[in-house]
């Protein structure tokens, strides 16, 4: 765990599902600290890819997360595990690799470490498979702004979560950036609560000012997802009107993204390469 402690005068705002140059991200950890401090964040939950990190590299990653943590900003080191059929599972606070690619084995491996297990950006095709799991995670990433887009999540992911909560009521909705690129939308955050039933607070209690306190709050669902003025509960229970708005906005965004994808494929077939600067701007927009 990180050694630092956060100032009690800072709002406990943070971001989740972030990658660095230790795996396939473009930001170094030091750059991430500067960027997210400027965003008003007090913590960052890292999820670099486990398969990129040999033992020595993993130790270096954990050590640098600790070294860059202090009373202003806290890194919570974690891993993202690649499983069968390219399912990805986040281990917030996980620091150990695992050989298995079975998702249920990976979930158990994460939770044995005292970390928080979350199925990342579940593909719609995976829903039926996930519903058959004997071992369920602690959460589902209901909005991943890289996978779903910046404008709206898929309403059906929230429906999946509620179906799973009938078996495991303590499961929660997670909201992540899946940040890889420097020119990428960074507008989804989480704000920790003093307890699972309270409103967001501006003066966090001492229990929330270290990595273990943050992980405990996440496991309990003591947080709110934030995007601009939009506040999203950890329960993932949304009213029908908001879900309808999400459905319309996501459908429009998806159509535009598909058109852009088809255009790129046409250019690829013609041997025309899309400049990296153009790709970067499109990532920021979508």
C-alpha atoms as a PDB file:
ATOM      1  CA  UNK A   1       0.000   0.000   0.000  1.00  0.00           C
ATOM      2  CA  UNK A   2       1.083   3.583  -0.531  1.00  0.00           C
ATOM      3  CA  UNK A   3       2.826   5.154   2.419  1.00  0.00           C
ATOM      4  CA  UNK A   4       1.349   8.637   2.110  1.00  0.00           C
ATOM      5  CA  UNK A   5      -1.646  10.201   3.820  1.00  0.00           C
ATOM      6  CA  UNK A   6      -3.979  12.700   2.216  1.00  0.00           C
ATOM      7  CA  UNK A   7      -4.783  16.064   3.693  1.00  0.00           C
ATOM      8  CA  UNK A   8      -8.154  16.091   5.443  1.00  0.00           C
ATOM      9  CA  UNK A   9      -8.834  19.485   3.858  1.00  0.00           C
ATOM     10  CA  UNK A  10      -8.898  18.089   0.319  1.00  0.00           C
ATOM     11  CA  UNK A  11     -12.019  16.740  -1.319  1.00  0.00           C
ATOM     12  CA  UNK A  12     -11.581  13.025  -1.860  1.00  0.00           C
ATOM     13  CA  UNK A  13     -12.126  13.010  -5.595  1.00  0.00           C
ATOM     14  CA  UNK A  14     -10.324  10.434  -7.689  1.00  0.00           C
ATOM     15  CA  UNK A  15     -10.202   8.548 -10.959  1.00  0.00           C
ATOM     16  CA  UNK A  16     -10.315   4.828 -11.661  1.00  0.00           C
ATOM     17  CA  UNK A  17      -9.024   2.374 -14.249  1.00  0.00           C
ATOM     18  CA  UNK A  18      -5.872   4.149 -15.372  1.00  0.00           C
ATOM     19  CA  UNK A  19      -2.850   2.813 -17.277  1.00  0.00           C
ATOM     20  CA  UNK A  20       0.713   4.122 -17.314  1.00  0.00           C
ATOM     21  CA  UNK A  21       3.899   3.472 -19.278  1.00  0.00           C
ATOM     22  CA  UNK A  22       4.403   0.419 -17.067  1.00  0.00           C
ATOM     23  CA  UNK A  23       1.989  -1.298 -19.483  1.00  0.00           C
ATOM     24  CA  UNK A  24       0.264   0.280 -22.499  1.00  0.00           C
ATOM     25  CA  UNK A  25      -0.420   3.827 -21.298  1.00  0.00           C
ATOM     26  CA  UNK A  26       1.226   6.985 -22.633  1.00  0.00           C
ATOM     27  CA  UNK A  27       1.574   8.791 -19.285  1.00  0.00           C
ATOM     28  CA  UNK A  28       4.339   8.086 -16.791  1.00  0.00           C
ATOM     29  CA  UNK A  29       3.236   7.859 -13.160  1.00  0.00           C
ATOM     30  CA  UNK A  30       4.819  11.250 -12.475  1.00  0.00           C
ATOM     31  CA  UNK A  31       2.869  12.781 -15.365  1.00  0.00           C
ATOM     32  CA  UNK A  32      -0.357  11.191 -14.127  1.00  0.00           C
ATOM     33  CA  UNK A  33       0.185  12.759 -10.723  1.00  0.00           C
ATOM     34  CA  UNK A  34       0.537  16.233 -12.263  1.00  0.00           C
ATOM     35  CA  UNK A  35      -2.427  15.792 -14.620  1.00  0.00           C
ATOM     36  CA  UNK A  36      -4.851  14.545 -11.996  1.00  0.00           C
ATOM     37  CA  UNK A  37      -3.755  17.025  -9.333  1.00  0.00           C
ATOM     38  CA  UNK A  38      -4.697  19.697 -11.882  1.00  0.00           C
ATOM     39  CA  UNK A  39      -8.103  17.957 -12.197  1.00  0.00           C
ATOM     40  CA  UNK A  40      -8.622  18.364  -8.453  1.00  0.00           C
ATOM     41  CA  UNK A  41      -8.071  14.701  -7.665  1.00  0.00           C
ATOM     42  CA  UNK A  42      -6.627  13.345  -4.444  1.00  0.00           C
ATOM     43  CA  UNK A  43      -6.166   9.726  -5.510  1.00  0.00           C
ATOM     44  CA  UNK A  44      -5.792   7.520  -8.557  1.00  0.00           C
ATOM     45  CA  UNK A  45      -6.607   3.814  -8.824  1.00  0.00           C
ATOM     46  CA  UNK A  46      -4.061   2.288 -11.184  1.00  0.00           C
ATOM     47  CA  UNK A  47      -4.728  -0.834 -13.238  1.00  0.00           C
ATOM     48  CA  UNK A  48      -1.706  -1.558 -15.380  1.00  0.00           C
ATOM     49  CA  UNK A  49      -1.889  -4.853 -17.242  1.00  0.00           C
ATOM     50  CA  UNK A  50      -0.577  -7.788 -15.206  1.00  0.00           C
ATOM     51  CA  UNK A  51       0.801  -9.620 -18.246  1.00  0.00           C
ATOM     52  CA  UNK A  52       3.079  -6.644 -19.023  1.00  0.00           C
ATOM     53  CA  UNK A  53       4.745  -6.825 -15.630  1.00  0.00           C
ATOM     54  CA  UNK A  54       7.430  -9.422 -14.950  1.00  0.00           C
ATOM     55  CA  UNK A  55       8.230  -9.772 -11.219  1.00  0.00           C
ATOM     56  CA  UNK A  56      11.013  -7.154 -11.175  1.00  0.00           C
ATOM     57  CA  UNK A  57       8.950  -4.718 -13.223  1.00  0.00           C
ATOM     58  CA  UNK A  58       5.908  -5.298 -10.990  1.00  0.00           C
ATOM     59  CA  UNK A  59       7.974  -4.493  -7.901  1.00  0.00           C
ATOM     60  CA  UNK A  60       9.250  -1.320  -9.560  1.00  0.00           C
ATOM     61  CA  UNK A  61       5.672  -0.300 -10.435  1.00  0.00           C
ATOM     62  CA  UNK A  62       4.445  -0.798  -6.861  1.00  0.00           C
ATOM     63  CA  UNK A  63       7.479   1.003  -5.415  1.00  0.00           C
ATOM     64  CA  UNK A  64       7.040   4.018  -7.697  1.00  0.00           C
ATOM     65  CA  UNK A  65       3.331   4.255  -6.838  1.00  0.00           C
ATOM     66  CA  UNK A  66       4.376   4.399  -3.181  1.00  0.00           C
ATOM     67  CA  UNK A  67       7.221   6.857  -3.772  1.00  0.00           C
ATOM     68  CA  UNK A  68       4.955   9.309  -5.614  1.00  0.00           C
ATOM     69  CA  UNK A  69       2.264   9.234  -2.916  1.00  0.00           C
ATOM     70  CA  UNK A  70       2.175  11.910  -0.230  1.00  0.00           C
ATOM     71  CA  UNK A  71      -0.230  14.143   1.694  1.00  0.00           C
ATOM     72  CA  UNK A  72      -1.473  15.738  -1.540  1.00  0.00           C
ATOM     73  CA  UNK A  73      -2.004  12.732  -3.780  1.00  0.00           C
ATOM     74  CA  UNK A  74      -2.246   8.982  -3.412  1.00  0.00           C
ATOM     75  CA  UNK A  75      -1.642   6.222  -5.940  1.00  0.00           C
ATOM     76  CA  UNK A  76      -3.516   2.987  -5.254  1.00  0.00           C
ATOM     77  CA  UNK A  77      -1.561   0.368  -7.205  1.00  0.00           C
ATOM     78  CA  UNK A  78      -3.615  -2.326  -8.922  1.00  0.00           C
ATOM     79  CA  UNK A  79      -3.698  -4.651 -11.912  1.00  0.00           C
ATOM     80  CA  UNK A  80      -5.894  -5.502 -14.867  1.00  0.00           C
ATOM     81  CA  UNK A  81      -6.024  -9.217 -15.659  1.00  0.00           C
ATOM     82  CA  UNK A  82      -6.662 -10.637 -19.144  1.00  0.00           C
ATOM     83  CA  UNK A  83      -8.898 -13.707 -19.085  1.00  0.00           C
ATOM     84  CA  UNK A  84     -10.463 -16.148 -21.505  1.00  0.00           C
ATOM     85  CA  UNK A  85     -12.209 -14.660 -24.561  1.00  0.00           C
ATOM     86  CA  UNK A  86     -10.451 -11.356 -23.815  1.00  0.00           C
ATOM     87  CA  UNK A  87     -12.534 -10.636 -20.754  1.00  0.00           C
ATOM     88  CA  UNK A  88     -10.727  -8.171 -18.511  1.00  0.00           C
ATOM     89  CA  UNK A  89     -11.000  -8.068 -14.726  1.00  0.00           C
ATOM     90  CA  UNK A  90      -9.751  -5.158 -12.643  1.00  0.00           C
ATOM     91  CA  UNK A  91      -8.075  -5.765  -9.313  1.00  0.00           C
ATOM     92  CA  UNK A  92      -8.107  -2.460  -7.457  1.00  0.00           C
ATOM     93  CA  UNK A  93      -5.330  -2.850  -4.902  1.00  0.00           C
ATOM     94  CA  UNK A  94      -4.173  -6.188  -6.387  1.00  0.00           C
ATOM     95  CA  UNK A  95      -0.393  -6.608  -6.580  1.00  0.00           C
ATOM     96  CA  UNK A  96       0.102 -10.254  -7.525  1.00  0.00           C
ATOM     97  CA  UNK A  97       0.044 -11.911 -10.921  1.00  0.00           C
ATOM     98  CA  UNK A  98      -1.830 -15.147 -11.563  1.00  0.00           C
ATOM     99  CA  UNK A  99      -1.241 -17.864 -14.150  1.00  0.00           C
ATOM    100  CA  UNK A 100      -4.889 -18.765 -14.696  1.00  0.00           C
ATOM    101  CA  UNK A 101      -7.044 -17.032 -17.292  1.00  0.00           C
ATOM    102  CA  UNK A 102     -10.275 -18.410 -15.867  1.00  0.00           C
ATOM    103  CA  UNK A 103     -12.252 -15.324 -14.806  1.00  0.00           C
ATOM    104  CA  UNK A 104     -13.711 -16.891 -11.666  1.00  0.00           C
ATOM    105  CA  UNK A 105     -10.257 -18.030 -10.555  1.00  0.00           C
ATOM    106  CA  UNK A 106      -8.957 -14.514 -11.192  1.00  0.00           C
ATOM    107  CA  UNK A 107     -11.786 -12.986  -9.132  1.00  0.00           C
ATOM    108  CA  UNK A 108     -10.933 -15.270  -6.217  1.00  0.00           C
ATOM    109  CA  UNK A 109      -7.226 -14.450  -6.614  1.00  0.00           C
ATOM    110  CA  UNK A 110      -7.964 -10.720  -6.428  1.00  0.00           C
ATOM    111  CA  UNK A 111     -10.159 -11.008  -3.366  1.00  0.00           C
ATOM    112  CA  UNK A 112      -7.647 -13.203  -1.506  1.00  0.00           C
ATOM    113  CA  UNK A 113      -5.319 -10.202  -1.668  1.00  0.00           C
ATOM    114  CA  UNK A 114      -7.895  -7.977   0.018  1.00  0.00           C
ATOM    115  CA  UNK A 115      -8.333  -6.165  -3.296  1.00  0.00           C
ATOM    116  CA  UNK A 116     -11.542  -5.160  -5.107  1.00  0.00           C
ATOM    117  CA  UNK A 117     -12.578  -7.246  -8.140  1.00  0.00           C
ATOM    118  CA  UNK A 118     -14.460  -5.569 -10.998  1.00  0.00           C
ATOM    119  CA  UNK A 119     -15.336  -6.922 -14.455  1.00  0.00           C
ATOM    120  CA  UNK A 120     -14.131  -4.220 -16.835  1.00  0.00           C
ATOM    121  CA  UNK A 121     -16.212  -2.949 -19.774  1.00  0.00           C
ATOM    122  CA  UNK A 122     -18.103  -6.255 -20.183  1.00  0.00           C
ATOM    123  CA  UNK A 123     -18.984  -6.961 -23.797  1.00  0.00           C
ATOM    124  CA  UNK A 124     -22.695  -7.385 -24.364  1.00  0.00           C
ATOM    125  CA  UNK A 125     -21.949 -10.859 -25.731  1.00  0.00           C
ATOM    126  CA  UNK A 126     -20.515 -11.765 -22.294  1.00  0.00           C
ATOM    127  CA  UNK A 127     -23.645 -10.989 -20.287  1.00  0.00           C
ATOM    128  CA  UNK A 128     -25.153 -14.466 -20.449  1.00  0.00           C
ATOM    129  CA  UNK A 129     -21.774 -15.998 -19.563  1.00  0.00           C
ATOM    130  CA  UNK A 130     -21.291 -13.675 -16.579  1.00  0.00           C
ATOM    131  CA  UNK A 131     -24.767 -14.496 -15.259  1.00  0.00           C
ATOM    132  CA  UNK A 132     -23.695 -18.147 -15.014  1.00  0.00           C
ATOM    133  CA  UNK A 133     -20.634 -17.428 -12.851  1.00  0.00           C
ATOM    134  CA  UNK A 134     -20.619 -19.185  -9.494  1.00  0.00           C
ATOM    135  CA  UNK A 135     -18.074 -16.650  -8.228  1.00  0.00           C
ATOM    136  CA  UNK A 136     -19.251 -13.094  -8.827  1.00  0.00           C
ATOM    137  CA  UNK A 137     -16.984 -10.034  -8.542  1.00  0.00           C
ATOM    138  CA  UNK A 138     -17.512  -7.095  -6.236  1.00  0.00           C
ATOM    139  CA  UNK A 139     -18.558  -4.928  -9.131  1.00  0.00           C
ATOM    140  CA  UNK A 140     -19.243  -4.344 -12.799  1.00  0.00           C
ATOM    141  CA  UNK A 141     -17.786  -1.395 -14.693  1.00  0.00           C
ATOM    142  CA  UNK A 142     -21.081   0.077 -15.841  1.00  0.00           C
ATOM    143  CA  UNK A 143     -19.503   3.078 -17.559  1.00  0.00           C
ATOM    144  CA  UNK A 144     -16.082   2.890 -19.158  1.00  0.00           C
ATOM    145  CA  UNK A 145     -15.561   6.140 -21.040  1.00  0.00           C
ATOM    146  CA  UNK A 146     -13.037   4.586 -23.445  1.00  0.00           C
ATOM    147  CA  UNK A 147     -15.172   1.577 -24.338  1.00  0.00           C
ATOM    148  CA  UNK A 148     -18.671   3.094 -24.042  1.00  0.00           C
ATOM    149  CA  UNK A 149     -17.734   6.603 -25.095  1.00  0.00           C
ATOM    150  CA  UNK A 150     -17.800   9.881 -23.222  1.00  0.00           C
ATOM    151  CA  UNK A 151     -21.453  10.736 -23.799  1.00  0.00           C
ATOM    152  CA  UNK A 152     -23.370   7.849 -22.260  1.00  0.00           C
ATOM    153  CA  UNK A 153     -22.957   4.245 -21.082  1.00  0.00           C
ATOM    154  CA  UNK A 154     -24.940   1.240 -22.276  1.00  0.00           C
ATOM    155  CA  UNK A 155     -28.139   0.986 -20.198  1.00  0.00           C
ATOM    156  CA  UNK A 156     -28.072  -2.804 -20.522  1.00  0.00           C
ATOM    157  CA  UNK A 157     -24.908  -2.954 -18.396  1.00  0.00           C
ATOM    158  CA  UNK A 158     -26.838  -1.403 -15.511  1.00  0.00           C
ATOM    159  CA  UNK A 159     -29.563  -3.988 -16.092  1.00  0.00           C
ATOM    160  CA  UNK A 160     -26.978  -6.771 -15.914  1.00  0.00           C
ATOM    161  CA  UNK A 161     -25.722  -5.413 -12.594  1.00  0.00           C
ATOM    162  CA  UNK A 162     -29.207  -5.374 -11.083  1.00  0.00           C
ATOM    163  CA  UNK A 163     -29.774  -8.963 -12.182  1.00  0.00           C
ATOM    164  CA  UNK A 164     -26.502 -10.013 -10.537  1.00  0.00           C
ATOM    165  CA  UNK A 165     -27.352  -8.059  -7.380  1.00  0.00           C
ATOM    166  CA  UNK A 166     -30.323 -10.385  -6.872  1.00  0.00           C
ATOM    167  CA  UNK A 167     -27.714 -13.051  -6.110  1.00  0.00           C
ATOM    168  CA  UNK A 168     -25.078 -10.789  -4.572  1.00  0.00           C
ATOM    169  CA  UNK A 169     -26.628  -7.554  -3.250  1.00  0.00           C
ATOM    170  CA  UNK A 170     -23.265  -6.099  -2.243  1.00  0.00           C
ATOM    171  CA  UNK A 171     -22.128  -5.765  -5.871  1.00  0.00           C
ATOM    172  CA  UNK A 172     -21.595  -2.190  -7.078  1.00  0.00           C
ATOM    173  CA  UNK A 173     -21.502  -0.097 -10.237  1.00  0.00           C
ATOM    174  CA  UNK A 174     -18.032   1.227 -11.079  1.00  0.00           C
ATOM    175  CA  UNK A 175     -17.187   4.183 -13.284  1.00  0.00           C
ATOM    176  CA  UNK A 176     -13.798   4.163 -15.000  1.00  0.00           C
ATOM    177  CA  UNK A 177     -11.800   6.130 -17.533  1.00  0.00           C
ATOM    178  CA  UNK A 178      -9.712   3.265 -18.919  1.00  0.00           C
ATOM    179  CA  UNK A 179      -7.124   5.953 -19.565  1.00  0.00           C
ATOM    180  CA  UNK A 180      -4.360   5.049 -22.017  1.00  0.00           C
ATOM    181  CA  UNK A 181      -3.682   8.063 -24.231  1.00  0.00           C
ATOM    182  CA  UNK A 182      -2.703  11.631 -23.479  1.00  0.00           C
ATOM    183  CA  UNK A 183      -5.391  12.919 -25.852  1.00  0.00           C
ATOM    184  CA  UNK A 184      -8.295  11.045 -24.289  1.00  0.00           C
ATOM    185  CA  UNK A 185     -11.448  12.134 -22.484  1.00  0.00           C
ATOM    186  CA  UNK A 186     -10.828  12.360 -18.724  1.00  0.00           C
ATOM    187  CA  UNK A 187     -14.187  13.510 -17.411  1.00  0.00           C
ATOM    188  CA  UNK A 188     -15.459  10.606 -15.296  1.00  0.00           C
ATOM    189  CA  UNK A 189     -14.477  10.564 -11.630  1.00  0.00           C
ATOM    190  CA  UNK A 190     -15.514   9.075  -8.314  1.00  0.00           C
ATOM    191  CA  UNK A 191     -16.049  10.914  -5.064  1.00  0.00           C
ATOM    192  CA  UNK A 192     -15.752   8.983  -1.834  1.00  0.00           C
ATOM    193  CA  UNK A 193     -18.387   9.260   0.879  1.00  0.00           C
ATOM    194  CA  UNK A 194     -17.971   9.244   4.637  1.00  0.00           C
ATOM    195  CA  UNK A 195     -20.218   6.169   4.716  1.00  0.00           C
ATOM    196  CA  UNK A 196     -22.260   4.205   2.145  1.00  0.00           C
ATOM    197  CA  UNK A 197     -25.450   6.178   2.828  1.00  0.00           C
ATOM    198  CA  UNK A 198     -24.082   9.697   3.095  1.00  0.00           C
ATOM    199  CA  UNK A 199     -23.748  12.433   0.527  1.00  0.00           C
ATOM    200  CA  UNK A 200     -20.267  13.212  -0.873  1.00  0.00           C
ATOM    201  CA  UNK A 201     -18.099  15.045   1.627  1.00  0.00           C
ATOM    202  CA  UNK A 202     -15.469  17.760   1.355  1.00  0.00           C
ATOM    203  CA  UNK A 203     -13.600  16.836   4.554  1.00  0.00           C
ATOM    204  CA  UNK A 204     -12.906  13.080   4.482  1.00  0.00           C
ATOM    205  CA  UNK A 205     -12.476  11.196   7.718  1.00  0.00           C
ATOM    206  CA  UNK A 206      -9.044   9.796   8.566  1.00  0.00           C
ATOM    207  CA  UNK A 207     -10.267   6.309   7.638  1.00  0.00           C
ATOM    208  CA  UNK A 208     -10.402   7.423   3.995  1.00  0.00           C
ATOM    209  CA  UNK A 209      -6.978   9.050   3.832  1.00  0.00           C
ATOM    210  CA  UNK A 210      -4.863   6.006   2.966  1.00  0.00           C
ATOM    211  CA  UNK A 211      -4.934   3.314   0.300  1.00  0.00           C
ATOM    212  CA  UNK A 212      -6.615   0.714   2.491  1.00  0.00           C
ATOM    213  CA  UNK A 213      -9.300   3.222   3.472  1.00  0.00           C
ATOM    214  CA  UNK A 214      -9.990   3.978  -0.187  1.00  0.00           C
ATOM    215  CA  UNK A 215     -10.239   0.274  -1.045  1.00  0.00           C
ATOM    216  CA  UNK A 216     -12.580  -0.293   1.889  1.00  0.00           C
ATOM    217  CA  UNK A 217     -14.818   2.562   0.718  1.00  0.00           C
ATOM    218  CA  UNK A 218     -14.901   1.110  -2.800  1.00  0.00           C
ATOM    219  CA  UNK A 219     -15.736  -2.374  -1.518  1.00  0.00           C
ATOM    220  CA  UNK A 220     -18.589  -0.953   0.563  1.00  0.00           C
ATOM    221  CA  UNK A 221     -19.946   1.194  -2.252  1.00  0.00           C
ATOM    222  CA  UNK A 222     -19.213   4.370  -0.291  1.00  0.00           C
ATOM    223  CA  UNK A 223     -18.708   6.511  -3.382  1.00  0.00           C
ATOM    224  CA  UNK A 224     -20.529   8.335  -6.159  1.00  0.00           C
ATOM    225  CA  UNK A 225     -19.676   8.439  -9.848  1.00  0.00           C
ATOM    226  CA  UNK A 226     -19.343  11.997 -11.162  1.00  0.00           C
ATOM    227  CA  UNK A 227     -19.443  13.372 -14.705  1.00  0.00           C
ATOM    228  CA  UNK A 228     -19.982  17.101 -14.784  1.00  0.00           C
ATOM    229  CA  UNK A 229     -23.255  17.722 -12.933  1.00  0.00           C
ATOM    230  CA  UNK A 230     -24.300  14.098 -13.262  1.00  0.00           C
ATOM    231  CA  UNK A 231     -24.111  12.043 -10.056  1.00  0.00           C
ATOM    232  CA  UNK A 232     -24.272   8.260 -10.384  1.00  0.00           C
ATOM    233  CA  UNK A 233     -24.855   5.963  -7.388  1.00  0.00           C
ATOM    234  CA  UNK A 234     -22.647   3.003  -6.537  1.00  0.00           C
ATOM    235  CA  UNK A 235     -25.795   0.865  -6.479  1.00  0.00           C
ATOM    236  CA  UNK A 236     -26.227   1.429 -10.209  1.00  0.00           C
ATOM    237  CA  UNK A 237     -29.953   1.955  -9.664  1.00  0.00           C
ATOM    238  CA  UNK A 238     -31.014   4.653 -12.121  1.00  0.00           C
ATOM    239  CA  UNK A 239     -34.461   5.987 -12.971  1.00  0.00           C
ATOM    240  CA  UNK A 240     -36.100   5.068 -16.271  1.00  0.00           C
ATOM    241  CA  UNK A 241     -35.847   8.573 -17.679  1.00  0.00           C
ATOM    242  CA  UNK A 242     -32.074   8.701 -17.225  1.00  0.00           C
ATOM    243  CA  UNK A 243     -31.668   5.217 -18.684  1.00  0.00           C
ATOM    244  CA  UNK A 244     -33.719   6.305 -21.699  1.00  0.00           C
ATOM    245  CA  UNK A 245     -31.509   9.364 -22.144  1.00  0.00           C
ATOM    246  CA  UNK A 246     -28.435   7.143 -21.930  1.00  0.00           C
ATOM    247  CA  UNK A 247     -29.880   4.775 -24.552  1.00  0.00           C
ATOM    248  CA  UNK A 248     -30.487   7.589 -27.043  1.00  0.00           C
ATOM    249  CA  UNK A 249     -27.161   9.315 -26.459  1.00  0.00           C
ATOM    250  CA  UNK A 250     -25.167   6.089 -26.587  1.00  0.00           C
ATOM    251  CA  UNK A 251     -26.894   4.967 -29.802  1.00  0.00           C
ATOM    252  CA  UNK A 252     -26.072   8.272 -31.509  1.00  0.00           C
ATOM    253  CA  UNK A 253     -22.465   8.158 -30.314  1.00  0.00           C
ATOM    254  CA  UNK A 254     -22.118   4.513 -31.358  1.00  0.00           C
ATOM    255  CA  UNK A 255     -23.381   5.255 -34.889  1.00  0.00           C
ATOM    256  CA  UNK A 256     -20.861   8.052 -35.257  1.00  0.00           C
ATOM    257  CA  UNK A 257     -18.031   5.879 -33.948  1.00  0.00           C
ATOM    258  CA  UNK A 258     -18.962   3.121 -36.376  1.00  0.00           C
ATOM    259  CA  UNK A 259     -18.922   5.563 -39.285  1.00  0.00           C
ATOM    260  CA  UNK A 260     -15.473   6.736 -38.236  1.00  0.00           C
ATOM    261  CA  UNK A 261     -14.309   3.125 -37.949  1.00  0.00           C
ATOM    262  CA  UNK A 262     -15.624   2.278 -41.407  1.00  0.00           C
ATOM    263  CA  UNK A 263     -13.927   5.368 -42.827  1.00  0.00           C
ATOM    264  CA  UNK A 264     -10.620   4.309 -41.300  1.00  0.00           C
ATOM    265  CA  UNK A 265     -10.998   0.810 -42.753  1.00  0.00           C
ATOM    266  CA  UNK A 266     -11.567   2.276 -46.197  1.00  0.00           C
ATOM    267  CA  UNK A 267      -8.455   4.412 -45.862  1.00  0.00           C
ATOM    268  CA  UNK A 268      -6.464   1.392 -44.655  1.00  0.00           C
ATOM    269  CA  UNK A 269      -7.523  -0.593 -47.714  1.00  0.00           C
ATOM    270  CA  UNK A 270      -6.458   2.310 -49.907  1.00  0.00           C
ATOM    271  CA  UNK A 271      -3.078   2.396 -48.187  1.00  0.00           C
ATOM    272  CA  UNK A 272      -3.731   5.791 -46.629  1.00  0.00           C
ATOM    273  CA  UNK A 273      -2.594   6.152 -43.042  1.00  0.00           C
ATOM    274  CA  UNK A 274      -4.584   8.344 -40.666  1.00  0.00           C
ATOM    275  CA  UNK A 275      -2.173  10.799 -38.976  1.00  0.00           C
ATOM    276  CA  UNK A 276      -1.622  10.205 -35.265  1.00  0.00           C
ATOM    277  CA  UNK A 277      -2.635  13.792 -34.538  1.00  0.00           C
ATOM    278  CA  UNK A 278      -6.067  13.128 -36.086  1.00  0.00           C
ATOM    279  CA  UNK A 279      -6.458   9.885 -34.129  1.00  0.00           C
ATOM    280  CA  UNK A 280      -5.591  11.740 -30.929  1.00  0.00           C
ATOM    281  CA  UNK A 281      -8.262  14.378 -31.511  1.00  0.00           C
ATOM    282  CA  UNK A 282     -10.889  11.732 -32.292  1.00  0.00           C
ATOM    283  CA  UNK A 283     -10.071   9.948 -29.021  1.00  0.00           C
ATOM    284  CA  UNK A 284     -10.728  13.186 -27.156  1.00  0.00           C
ATOM    285  CA  UNK A 285     -14.072  13.693 -28.942  1.00  0.00           C
ATOM    286  CA  UNK A 286     -15.386  10.151 -28.634  1.00  0.00           C
END
